[in-house]
Amino acid sequence: MTLPELNWDNPCLSGRTPVLGANVVATSQPLAAMAGVRMLLAGGNAVDAALATAIALTVVEPTMNGIGGDAFALVWDGARVHALNATGRAPRAWSREMFSRFTEMPAIGWDSVTVPGAVSGWVELSRRFGVLPFGELFGPALEYARRGYPVSPFIARTWKEASEKYRMFGSFADTFLPHGRAPQPGELFTFPDAAGTLEEIADTFGESFYRGRLAGAIARFARETGGLVQEEDLGAHRADWVEPMSIDLADFAVHEMPPNSQGMAALLALALLRDTQVNALAPDSPESVDLQVRAMRTAQDEVRARVADPERMDEPATAMLSEERLAELRRRMMDKAGVGGHGTGRGSGDTVYLTAADSNGMMVSFIQSNYYDFGSGLVVPGMGISLHSRAACFSLDPRHPNVVAGGRRPFHTLCPGFVSASGRPVMSFGVMGGHMQPQGHVQTLLRILVHGWNPQAACDAPRWHVAPDGSVLLERGVSDEVRRRLEQGGHRVDVAAYGDPVFGGGQFALSLPSGYCAASDPRKDGEAVAV
């Protein structure tokens, strides 16, 4: 008996069930989630589980992240939230004048590549909080890379969509287009180049990537193909422990990464909503969505105008949350809807988010990305290192604090989230996907913290998206009444299919009196697992 060719789309909108357990892992690819579970079963903690998951994701979801990407993390250690910025800086040889021939920052090629920071994040998290040997965290990823794994449906689709964009890069085609094409759903993909690199990172505790053989290979590839990333740039890189930023929402504290992350957009939007009636309105009502969209547009416009490498900002990030500034923004928020004036980057992006929580109370909110699809399209030959394109988020405006320059970190779309209350952990969460990330934070937090929705229901609910140009996209399932209200308020509105990539994908771990409730977005291939 031969099955007909399978249709990997689901014609029905199926509701997922929340996952409950003493230890949980949730991410956008099932094999990666199981890598984290294996660490928990081996006696590891939530940080060990998160790192094994993140490392595995570079193998099983290469369309969204890679060894050559950036990362951020928020960690609840049992007493407080710690924040890690593992993002890289531009090569020191870069200058604003180098980019004068461009009308916007490049998103592919060497002009989009900053120093990759994700590996340094793995090292710092393991060194500070992990309990398992660093090398043990790489076991599942090495197995998947060497033995191969069946490519899951959503990832296969995005792989195919991105393949033509990068085919011009020879080492990309050699690495990611076996048989001259993207793998099909269910087709086995092996990644031996990445296996060798990950093993070397494991054996050297990341040292080879920044100051050893792997660093030399990256710099040599740059010299031979027109890039300016040098051994000195890699050797000077560091991941930084920073103070998270937070605001109060009802009885909760919402924590986000400080600049250069756009996490400030979520905090600003929530702060702007505090003096409105939004908490008394159903979250999907026309009045509530109108307020949320206005707050989000205002917050994003402010963030795109001011957020940059914190060493280069015109003022401390805390000034953006001052009562004086918020009062000014609230007045602007209620003006007739208009087009945002500070578009930085593009309307979507490709990212992986994961969360892990253990029975001892440790919780991790972790995000890593190559930015767009496979990133720059540049893959270090024989190494499986796909280099990210995060420099695309720099500005070309010499008056902007985020203007491109050597040694600077660019504005970053990545923003993991966390919630606490009265010194206790409440929820680790994130909604991946470019400019959707803080918007997803606002929408899901209102549903969970204010209206008591379980995380899976909040994750499944149809979303809205404010594009960088100020227009609004509604996911199918949002009511016609909402659309009419937005249009009457002066918003430009369109509708897209449920699951359109612009609406991102979320993962959640909510602390319960006994254990956790975890959720994973149905828009992706992922799952939440409990043990």
Protein backbone atom coordinates (compact mmCIF):
# COMPACT_ATOMS: atom_id res chain seq x y z
CA MET A 1 0.00 0.00 0.00
CA THR A 2 1.36 3.41 -0.98
CA LEU A 3 0.20 6.53 0.79
CA PRO A 4 -0.70 9.53 -1.34
CA GLU A 5 1.63 12.50 -1.06
CA LEU A 6 0.97 14.02 2.34
CA ASN A 7 -0.39 17.53 2.75
CA TRP A 8 1.56 19.10 5.61
CA ASP A 9 -0.87 21.98 6.10
CA ASN A 10 -3.58 21.59 8.72
CA PRO A 11 -6.99 22.58 7.30
CA CYS A 12 -8.43 22.78 10.82
CA LEU A 13 -7.59 25.24 13.58
CA SER A 14 -6.80 22.81 16.36
CA GLY A 15 -6.47 23.93 19.97
CA ARG A 16 -3.46 22.63 21.85
CA THR A 17 -3.72 21.53 25.47
CA PRO A 18 -1.53 23.22 28.11
CA VAL A 19 1.31 21.01 29.36
CA LEU A 20 1.76 20.59 33.13
CA GLY A 21 4.72 19.21 35.02
CA ALA A 22 7.43 19.70 37.64
CA ASN A 23 10.03 20.51 34.95
CA VAL A 24 9.25 21.92 31.50
CA VAL A 25 10.92 22.81 28.22
CA ALA A 26 9.16 24.60 25.36
CA THR A 27 10.55 25.63 22.01
CA SER A 28 9.82 25.78 18.29
CA GLN A 29 11.18 22.34 17.28
CA PRO A 30 10.33 19.05 19.07
CA LEU A 31 13.76 17.44 18.77
CA ALA A 32 15.35 20.49 20.37
CA ALA A 33 12.82 20.41 23.21
CA MET A 34 13.74 16.78 23.82
CA ALA A 35 17.42 17.75 23.98
CA GLY A 36 16.56 19.94 26.95
CA VAL A 37 14.48 17.23 28.58
CA ARG A 38 17.43 14.85 28.32
CA MET A 39 19.54 17.26 30.38
CA LEU A 40 16.86 17.45 33.06
CA LEU A 41 16.67 13.66 33.23
CA ALA A 42 20.47 13.55 33.52
CA GLY A 43 20.36 15.73 36.63
CA GLY A 44 20.81 19.10 34.96
CA ASN A 45 18.97 22.26 35.84
CA ALA A 46 16.90 24.66 33.73
CA VAL A 47 20.00 26.43 32.39
CA ASP A 48 21.51 23.13 31.25
CA ALA A 49 18.20 22.26 29.59
CA ALA A 50 17.94 25.65 27.90
CA LEU A 51 21.48 25.47 26.56
CA ALA A 52 21.12 21.94 25.18
CA THR A 53 17.90 23.09 23.50
CA ALA A 54 19.57 26.20 22.05
CA ILE A 55 22.54 24.25 20.75
CA ALA A 56 20.28 21.64 19.17
CA LEU A 57 18.22 24.37 17.49
CA THR A 58 21.27 25.45 15.47
CA VAL A 59 21.12 22.00 13.87
CA VAL A 60 17.41 21.19 13.61
CA GLU A 61 16.08 24.70 12.84
CA PRO A 62 18.87 26.31 10.78
CA THR A 63 16.35 28.53 8.99
CA MET A 64 15.89 30.61 12.13
CA ASN A 65 19.25 30.55 13.94
CA GLY A 66 22.77 29.19 13.80
CA ILE A 67 26.18 28.92 15.43
CA GLY A 68 27.01 32.33 13.94
CA GLY A 69 24.08 34.20 15.53
CA ASP A 70 23.36 36.38 18.58
CA ALA A 71 21.49 35.69 21.82
CA PHE A 72 19.89 37.22 24.93
CA ALA A 73 18.82 35.48 28.14
CA LEU A 74 16.87 36.23 31.32
CA VAL A 75 17.47 33.80 34.19
CA TRP A 76 15.56 33.47 37.46
CA ASP A 77 18.06 31.88 39.82
CA GLY A 78 15.63 31.40 42.71
CA ALA A 79 15.97 34.93 44.06
CA ARG A 80 16.15 37.46 41.20
CA VAL A 81 16.29 37.98 37.44
CA HIS A 82 19.68 38.09 35.72
CA ALA A 83 20.10 39.39 32.16
CA LEU A 84 22.77 38.39 29.63
CA ASN A 85 23.50 40.32 26.44
CA ALA A 86 25.34 37.96 24.08
CA THR A 87 25.20 40.14 20.98
CA GLY A 88 28.17 41.08 18.83
CA ARG A 89 29.68 44.34 17.67
CA ALA A 90 30.50 45.60 14.19
CA PRO A 91 34.04 44.98 12.91
CA ARG A 92 36.35 47.75 14.08
CA ALA A 93 37.39 48.49 10.50
CA TRP A 94 33.84 49.61 9.61
CA SER A 95 32.97 53.28 9.13
CA ARG A 96 29.83 55.20 8.22
CA GLU A 97 31.45 56.23 4.92
CA MET A 98 31.73 52.57 3.86
CA PHE A 99 27.96 52.44 3.61
CA SER A 100 27.38 55.72 1.75
CA ARG A 101 26.55 53.83 -1.44
CA PHE A 102 23.53 52.18 0.21
CA THR A 103 20.03 53.58 0.68
CA GLU A 104 19.36 51.04 3.44
CA MET A 105 21.54 48.69 5.44
CA PRO A 106 22.33 45.46 3.57
CA ALA A 107 20.67 42.26 4.82
CA ILE A 108 22.97 39.77 3.08
CA GLY A 109 26.70 39.52 2.47
CA TRP A 110 29.60 40.73 4.58
CA ASP A 111 28.19 44.23 4.99
CA SER A 112 25.49 42.69 7.20
CA VAL A 113 27.77 40.63 9.47
CA THR A 114 28.68 41.63 13.02
CA VAL A 115 30.67 39.43 15.41
CA PRO A 116 28.51 36.42 16.41
CA GLY A 117 27.67 36.37 20.11
CA ALA A 118 25.55 33.27 20.72
CA VAL A 119 28.45 30.94 21.52
CA SER A 120 29.69 33.37 24.19
CA GLY A 121 26.19 33.30 25.68
CA TRP A 122 26.27 29.52 25.94
CA VAL A 123 29.63 29.72 27.71
CA GLU A 124 28.61 32.44 30.17
CA LEU A 125 25.33 30.80 31.13
CA SER A 126 26.93 27.41 31.66
CA ARG A 127 29.82 28.86 33.65
CA ARG A 128 27.59 30.88 35.96
CA PHE A 129 24.53 28.70 36.42
CA GLY A 130 24.97 25.25 34.87
CA VAL A 131 25.63 22.07 36.82
CA LEU A 132 26.35 19.60 34.02
CA PRO A 133 29.71 19.50 32.20
CA PHE A 134 29.66 21.94 29.27
CA GLY A 135 30.45 19.21 26.75
CA GLU A 136 27.47 17.12 27.84
CA LEU A 137 25.09 19.85 26.66
CA PHE A 138 26.18 19.24 23.06
CA GLY A 139 25.34 15.52 22.99
CA PRO A 140 21.85 15.69 21.43
CA ALA A 141 22.89 18.29 18.84
CA LEU A 142 25.87 16.16 17.81
CA GLU A 143 23.62 13.12 17.40
CA TYR A 144 21.14 15.03 15.25
CA ALA A 145 23.92 16.52 13.14
CA ARG A 146 25.76 13.25 12.51
CA ARG A 147 22.90 10.78 12.22
CA GLY A 148 20.51 13.20 10.59
CA TYR A 149 16.94 14.14 11.47
CA PRO A 150 13.68 14.36 9.52
CA VAL A 151 13.02 18.02 8.67
CA SER A 152 9.76 19.20 10.20
CA PRO A 153 7.00 20.77 8.03
CA PHE A 154 7.15 24.48 8.95
CA ILE A 155 10.93 24.50 8.80
CA ALA A 156 10.91 22.72 5.43
CA ARG A 157 8.56 25.37 4.06
CA THR A 158 10.66 28.29 5.25
CA TRP A 159 13.82 26.53 4.05
CA LYS A 160 12.37 26.24 0.55
CA GLU A 161 11.16 29.85 0.54
CA ALA A 162 14.61 31.12 1.52
CA SER A 163 16.69 28.86 -0.72
CA GLU A 164 16.65 31.00 -3.87
CA LYS A 165 17.63 34.10 -1.91
CA TYR A 166 20.91 32.48 -0.85
CA ARG A 167 21.71 30.14 -3.73
CA MET A 168 24.30 32.63 -5.05
CA PHE A 169 26.54 31.85 -2.07
CA GLY A 170 28.48 28.69 -2.90
CA SER A 171 29.16 27.51 0.64
CA PHE A 172 25.50 28.07 1.54
CA ALA A 173 24.37 25.86 -1.36
CA ASP A 174 26.96 23.22 -0.47
CA THR A 175 25.79 23.16 3.14
CA PHE A 176 22.03 23.73 3.04
CA LEU A 177 20.86 22.63 -0.40
CA PRO A 178 21.61 18.91 -0.62
CA HIS A 179 20.72 17.56 -4.07
CA GLY A 180 20.55 21.22 -5.18
CA ARG A 181 17.37 22.03 -3.26
CA ALA A 182 15.93 22.49 0.21
CA PRO A 183 14.98 19.32 2.11
CA GLN A 184 11.33 18.33 1.93
CA PRO A 185 9.16 17.63 5.01
CA GLY A 186 10.21 14.34 6.54
CA GLU A 187 13.42 14.16 4.51
CA LEU A 188 16.58 13.29 6.45
CA PHE A 189 19.12 16.10 6.75
CA THR A 190 22.62 15.52 8.11
CA PHE A 191 24.90 18.35 9.18
CA PRO A 192 28.43 16.92 9.65
CA ASP A 193 30.15 20.30 9.27
CA ALA A 194 28.22 21.69 12.22
CA ALA A 195 28.97 18.54 14.23
CA GLY A 196 32.71 19.11 13.94
CA THR A 197 32.37 22.77 14.91
CA LEU A 198 30.06 22.13 17.85
CA GLU A 199 32.40 19.44 19.15
CA GLU A 200 35.32 21.88 19.01
CA ILE A 201 33.28 24.55 20.83
CA ALA A 202 32.40 21.96 23.47
CA ASP A 203 35.98 20.74 23.88
CA THR A 204 37.45 24.26 24.18
CA PHE A 205 34.61 25.81 26.23
CA GLY A 206 34.02 28.19 23.33
CA GLU A 207 37.62 29.44 23.24
CA SER A 208 38.28 28.19 19.70
CA PHE A 209 35.36 30.20 18.36
CA TYR A 210 36.76 33.54 19.55
CA ARG A 211 40.49 33.03 19.97
CA GLY A 212 41.41 29.74 18.28
CA ARG A 213 41.12 27.67 15.14
CA LEU A 214 37.47 28.45 14.46
CA ALA A 215 38.09 32.19 14.86
CA GLY A 216 40.92 31.89 12.37
CA ALA A 217 38.67 30.11 9.89
CA ILE A 218 36.00 32.83 10.14
CA ALA A 219 38.55 35.63 9.68
CA ARG A 220 40.27 33.85 6.80
CA PHE A 221 36.93 33.35 5.03
CA ALA A 222 36.27 37.07 5.47
CA ARG A 223 39.66 38.05 4.02
CA GLU A 224 39.20 35.76 1.03
CA THR A 225 35.65 36.90 0.20
CA GLY A 226 35.61 40.62 0.93
CA GLY A 227 34.70 40.81 4.62
CA LEU A 228 36.35 42.89 7.35
CA VAL A 229 35.79 40.64 10.38
CA GLN A 230 39.24 39.97 11.80
CA GLU A 231 40.69 37.73 14.49
CA GLU A 232 41.00 40.81 16.72
CA ASP A 233 37.26 41.51 16.43
CA LEU A 234 36.42 37.98 17.52
CA GLY A 235 39.01 37.96 20.28
CA ALA A 236 37.72 41.24 21.72
CA HIS A 237 34.12 40.04 21.94
CA ARG A 238 32.46 39.54 25.30
CA ALA A 239 28.96 38.74 26.49
CA ASP A 240 27.79 41.17 29.16
CA TRP A 241 25.74 40.64 32.31
CA VAL A 242 23.42 43.64 32.49
CA GLU A 243 20.52 44.84 34.64
CA PRO A 244 17.08 43.98 33.24
CA MET A 245 14.50 46.74 32.96
CA SER A 246 11.00 46.38 34.37
CA ILE A 247 7.64 48.03 34.94
CA ASP A 248 4.64 47.14 37.08
CA LEU A 249 1.56 45.63 35.44
CA ALA A 250 -1.27 45.12 37.95
CA ASP A 251 0.38 43.13 40.76
CA PHE A 252 3.24 41.91 38.57
CA ALA A 253 6.67 43.10 37.47
CA VAL A 254 7.41 42.62 33.75
CA HIS A 255 11.12 42.27 32.97
CA GLU A 256 12.76 42.92 29.59
CA MET A 257 16.28 43.30 28.25
CA PRO A 258 17.67 46.85 28.23
CA PRO A 259 19.05 48.41 25.01
CA ASN A 260 20.36 47.46 22.52
CA SER A 261 17.29 45.16 22.67
CA GLN A 262 13.84 46.39 21.61
CA GLY A 263 12.39 44.97 24.84
CA MET A 264 11.84 48.58 25.88
CA ALA A 265 8.97 48.72 23.34
CA ALA A 266 6.95 46.20 25.37
CA LEU A 267 7.58 48.10 28.61
CA LEU A 268 6.67 51.44 27.07
CA ALA A 269 3.44 50.10 25.53
CA LEU A 270 2.36 48.51 28.81
CA ALA A 271 3.20 51.70 30.71
CA LEU A 272 1.15 53.75 28.24
CA LEU A 273 -1.81 51.41 28.71
CA ARG A 274 -1.82 51.69 32.52
CA ASP A 275 -3.83 54.91 32.56
CA THR A 276 -6.44 53.62 30.10
CA GLN A 277 -9.48 51.37 30.52
CA VAL A 278 -7.73 48.47 28.76
CA ASN A 279 -7.77 46.18 31.83
CA ALA A 280 -11.57 46.48 32.07
CA LEU A 281 -12.06 45.59 28.40
CA ALA A 282 -12.03 42.14 26.80
CA PRO A 283 -8.59 41.79 25.17
CA ASP A 284 -10.08 41.10 21.72
CA SER A 285 -12.73 43.84 21.87
CA PRO A 286 -12.52 46.69 19.32
CA GLU A 287 -11.89 49.25 22.05
CA SER A 288 -9.10 47.23 23.66
CA VAL A 289 -7.32 46.43 20.40
CA ASP A 290 -7.51 50.07 19.35
CA LEU A 291 -5.78 51.13 22.59
CA GLN A 292 -3.19 48.36 22.33
CA VAL A 293 -2.33 49.25 18.74
CA ARG A 294 -2.02 52.95 19.56
CA ALA A 295 0.24 52.22 22.53
CA MET A 296 2.37 49.81 20.53
CA ARG A 297 2.80 52.14 17.58
CA THR A 298 3.81 55.00 19.88
CA ALA A 299 6.22 52.79 21.82
CA GLN A 300 7.86 51.37 18.72
CA ASP A 301 8.27 54.77 17.14
CA GLU A 302 9.97 55.99 20.32
CA VAL A 303 12.23 52.94 20.52
CA ARG A 304 13.27 53.13 16.88
CA ALA A 305 14.16 56.77 17.33
CA ARG A 306 16.26 56.34 20.50
CA VAL A 307 17.44 52.77 21.16
CA ALA A 308 20.96 51.80 20.13
CA ASP A 309 24.14 50.44 21.67
CA PRO A 310 23.68 51.73 25.25
CA GLU A 311 27.15 53.29 25.12
CA ARG A 312 25.99 55.46 22.21
CA MET A 313 22.49 56.48 23.28
CA ASP A 314 21.75 60.16 23.85
CA GLU A 315 20.29 59.43 27.29
CA PRO A 316 20.04 56.54 29.77
CA ALA A 317 17.38 53.98 28.89
CA THR A 318 15.62 54.65 32.19
CA ALA A 319 14.77 58.17 30.97
CA MET A 320 12.45 56.60 28.39
CA LEU A 321 10.22 55.39 31.24
CA SER A 322 10.13 58.64 33.19
CA GLU A 323 6.70 59.98 34.08
CA GLU A 324 7.38 63.17 32.14
CA ARG A 325 8.21 61.22 28.98
CA LEU A 326 5.25 58.87 29.44
CA ALA A 327 2.86 61.81 29.78
CA GLU A 328 4.14 63.22 26.49
CA LEU A 329 3.78 59.84 24.79
CA ARG A 330 0.23 59.32 26.10
CA ARG A 331 -0.82 62.58 24.46
CA ARG A 332 0.79 61.47 21.20
CA MET A 333 -0.78 58.01 21.49
CA MET A 334 -4.34 59.37 21.46
CA ASP A 335 -3.82 61.61 18.43
CA LYS A 336 -5.35 60.45 15.15
CA ALA A 337 -3.55 57.30 14.01
CA GLY A 338 -0.64 58.00 11.70
CA VAL A 339 2.32 56.39 10.05
CA GLY A 340 5.31 55.67 12.25
CA GLY A 341 8.27 57.88 11.53
CA HIS A 342 11.31 55.79 12.46
CA GLY A 343 11.39 52.48 10.63
CA THR A 344 14.48 50.49 11.64
CA GLY A 345 15.02 47.11 10.06
CA ARG A 346 12.23 45.22 8.35
CA GLY A 347 8.73 44.05 9.08
CA SER A 348 9.58 40.47 9.98
CA GLY A 349 12.47 38.34 11.10
CA ASP A 350 13.43 34.77 11.87
CA THR A 351 14.28 33.73 15.39
CA VAL A 352 14.07 30.86 17.88
CA TYR A 353 12.80 31.33 21.41
CA LEU A 354 12.85 28.74 24.20
CA THR A 355 12.05 28.51 27.85
CA ALA A 356 12.97 25.95 30.49
CA ALA A 357 12.02 25.67 34.16
CA ASP A 358 13.00 23.11 36.78
CA SER A 359 11.61 21.73 40.03
CA ASN A 360 14.04 23.80 42.09
CA GLY A 361 12.51 27.04 40.83
CA MET A 362 15.10 28.06 38.23
CA MET A 363 13.56 29.49 35.04
CA VAL A 364 15.21 30.57 31.78
CA SER A 365 13.96 32.83 29.00
CA PHE A 366 16.34 32.51 26.03
CA ILE A 367 16.34 33.78 22.47
CA GLN A 368 18.84 33.45 19.62
CA SER A 369 18.75 34.28 15.95
CA ASN A 370 20.53 34.80 12.64
CA TYR A 371 18.03 37.63 12.03
CA TYR A 372 16.71 37.09 8.48
CA ASP A 373 16.22 33.45 7.43
CA PHE A 374 19.73 31.94 7.34
CA GLY A 375 21.27 35.33 8.05
CA SER A 376 23.83 36.86 5.73
CA GLY A 377 23.97 33.83 3.42
CA LEU A 378 27.65 33.41 4.27
CA VAL A 379 28.56 29.98 5.62
CA VAL A 380 32.14 29.33 6.68
CA PRO A 381 33.19 26.48 4.32
CA GLY A 382 33.43 23.11 6.00
CA MET A 383 32.39 24.56 9.38
CA GLY A 384 28.58 24.80 9.22
CA ILE A 385 28.76 28.32 10.71
CA SER A 386 26.03 30.40 9.08
CA LEU A 387 26.87 34.02 9.87
CA HIS A 388 24.02 36.26 10.93
CA SER A 389 22.90 39.54 9.30
CA ARG A 390 22.28 41.58 12.44
CA ALA A 391 24.04 44.67 11.05
CA ALA A 392 20.92 45.16 8.91
CA CYS A 393 19.40 46.79 12.01
CA PHE A 394 21.90 49.66 12.05
CA SER A 395 20.83 53.07 10.77
CA LEU A 396 22.47 55.00 7.91
CA ASP A 397 21.37 58.33 9.39
CA PRO A 398 24.50 60.01 10.82
CA ARG A 399 22.30 61.86 13.35
CA HIS A 400 20.79 58.65 14.73
CA PRO A 401 22.32 57.05 17.87
CA ASN A 402 22.08 53.69 16.05
CA VAL A 403 24.21 54.85 13.10
CA VAL A 404 26.53 52.15 11.78
CA ALA A 405 30.13 52.35 13.01
CA GLY A 406 32.93 50.01 13.94
CA GLY A 407 32.85 48.50 17.42
CA ARG A 408 29.16 49.23 18.03
CA ARG A 409 26.30 46.88 18.77
CA PRO A 410 23.27 47.43 16.50
CA PHE A 411 19.66 47.90 17.57
CA HIS A 412 18.33 44.41 18.22
CA THR A 413 14.87 42.95 17.67
CA LEU A 414 15.51 40.05 20.07
CA CYS A 415 13.76 40.40 23.44
CA PRO A 416 13.07 37.52 25.87
CA GLY A 417 10.54 38.29 28.61
CA PHE A 418 9.97 37.39 32.26
CA VAL A 419 7.37 38.15 34.92
CA SER A 420 7.76 38.14 38.70
CA ALA A 421 5.60 39.21 41.66
CA SER A 422 6.60 40.00 45.24
CA GLY A 423 10.01 38.42 44.80
CA ARG A 424 8.65 35.22 43.28
CA PRO A 425 8.85 33.93 39.69
CA VAL A 426 5.63 33.99 37.70
CA MET A 427 6.35 33.34 34.02
CA SER A 428 9.13 32.94 31.48
CA PHE A 429 7.91 33.79 27.99
CA GLY A 430 8.70 35.10 24.53
CA VAL A 431 7.12 35.61 21.13
CA MET A 432 9.72 35.26 18.40
CA GLY A 433 9.72 37.08 15.09
CA GLY A 434 11.32 40.46 14.32
CA HIS A 435 9.16 43.48 15.18
CA MET A 436 6.37 41.16 16.35
CA GLN A 437 8.23 40.31 19.53
CA PRO A 438 7.25 43.16 21.89
CA GLN A 439 3.79 43.23 20.28
CA GLY A 440 3.32 39.56 21.12
CA HIS A 441 4.50 40.28 24.67
CA VAL A 442 1.82 42.94 25.17
CA GLN A 443 -1.01 40.88 23.70
CA THR A 444 -0.25 37.67 25.58
CA LEU A 445 0.54 39.38 28.89
CA LEU A 446 -2.80 41.17 28.93
CA ARG A 447 -4.61 37.89 28.27
CA ILE A 448 -2.71 35.96 30.96
CA LEU A 449 -1.96 38.46 33.73
CA VAL A 450 -5.06 40.64 33.50
CA HIS A 451 -7.74 38.32 32.11
CA GLY A 452 -6.59 34.95 33.46
CA TRP A 453 -6.24 33.05 30.18
CA ASN A 454 -4.07 29.96 30.36
CA PRO A 455 -0.79 30.38 28.42
CA GLN A 456 -1.76 28.02 25.62
CA ALA A 457 -5.03 29.83 24.95
CA ALA A 458 -3.22 33.19 25.02
CA CYS A 459 -0.62 31.81 22.64
CA ASP A 460 -3.25 30.43 20.22
CA ALA A 461 -5.37 33.59 20.07
CA PRO A 462 -5.34 35.59 16.80
CA ARG A 463 -2.89 38.50 16.84
CA TRP A 464 -2.43 41.95 15.38
CA HIS A 465 0.83 43.35 14.06
CA VAL A 466 1.92 46.98 13.68
CA ALA A 467 4.40 47.19 10.79
CA PRO A 468 7.39 49.57 10.83
CA ASP A 469 5.50 51.90 8.47
CA GLY A 470 2.62 52.17 10.98
CA SER A 471 0.07 50.03 9.13
CA VAL A 472 -1.79 47.26 10.98
CA LEU A 473 -2.11 43.62 9.94
CA LEU A 474 -4.81 41.49 11.57
CA GLU A 475 -4.56 37.73 11.78
CA ARG A 476 -7.63 35.94 10.46
CA GLY A 477 -9.88 35.26 13.43
CA VAL A 478 -9.78 38.85 14.67
CA SER A 479 -13.34 40.18 14.37
CA ASP A 480 -14.60 42.47 11.62
CA GLU A 481 -15.68 44.88 14.37
CA VAL A 482 -12.03 45.30 15.35
CA ARG A 483 -11.07 46.08 11.78
CA ARG A 484 -13.82 48.67 11.42
CA ARG A 485 -12.85 50.35 14.72
CA LEU A 486 -9.22 50.61 13.65
CA GLU A 487 -10.08 51.99 10.23
CA GLN A 488 -12.41 54.56 11.77
CA GLY A 489 -9.54 55.61 14.01
CA GLY A 490 -7.36 56.33 11.00
CA HIS A 491 -5.30 53.13 10.94
CA ARG A 492 -4.39 51.46 7.66
CA VAL A 493 -5.55 47.86 8.09
CA ASP A 494 -5.20 44.58 6.22
CA VAL A 495 -5.90 40.93 7.08
CA ALA A 496 -3.58 37.91 6.73
CA ALA A 497 -4.03 34.17 7.21
CA TYR A 498 -3.80 32.63 10.66
CA GLY A 499 -0.20 31.51 11.08
CA ASP A 500 1.31 34.00 8.65
CA PRO A 501 4.99 34.24 9.69
CA VAL A 502 4.66 37.94 10.50
CA PHE A 503 2.66 37.00 13.63
CA GLY A 504 5.59 35.08 15.08
CA GLY A 505 5.50 32.18 17.49
CA GLY A 506 5.56 32.01 21.28
CA GLN A 507 6.63 29.74 24.13
CA PHE A 508 5.54 30.07 27.77
CA ALA A 509 6.27 28.56 31.20
CA LEU A 510 3.92 29.75 33.95
CA SER A 511 4.75 28.93 37.56
CA LEU A 512 1.99 27.11 39.47
CA PRO A 513 1.75 26.26 43.18
CA SER A 514 3.07 22.82 42.16
CA GLY A 515 5.13 22.82 38.98
CA TYR A 516 4.50 24.70 35.75
CA CYS A 517 2.05 25.18 32.92
CA ALA A 518 3.89 25.31 29.58
CA ALA A 519 2.69 26.26 26.10
CA SER A 520 4.04 26.23 22.57
CA ASP A 521 2.76 28.12 19.53
CA PRO A 522 0.69 26.17 16.98
CA ARG A 523 2.05 28.47 14.24
CA LYS A 524 5.39 26.64 14.37
CA ASP A 525 6.60 23.03 14.59
CA GLY A 526 7.35 23.24 18.30
CA GLU A 527 6.04 21.70 21.47
CA ALA A 528 6.09 22.00 25.22
CA VAL A 529 7.35 18.96 27.15
CA ALA A 530 7.05 18.22 30.87
CA VAL A 531 8.85 15.69 33.07
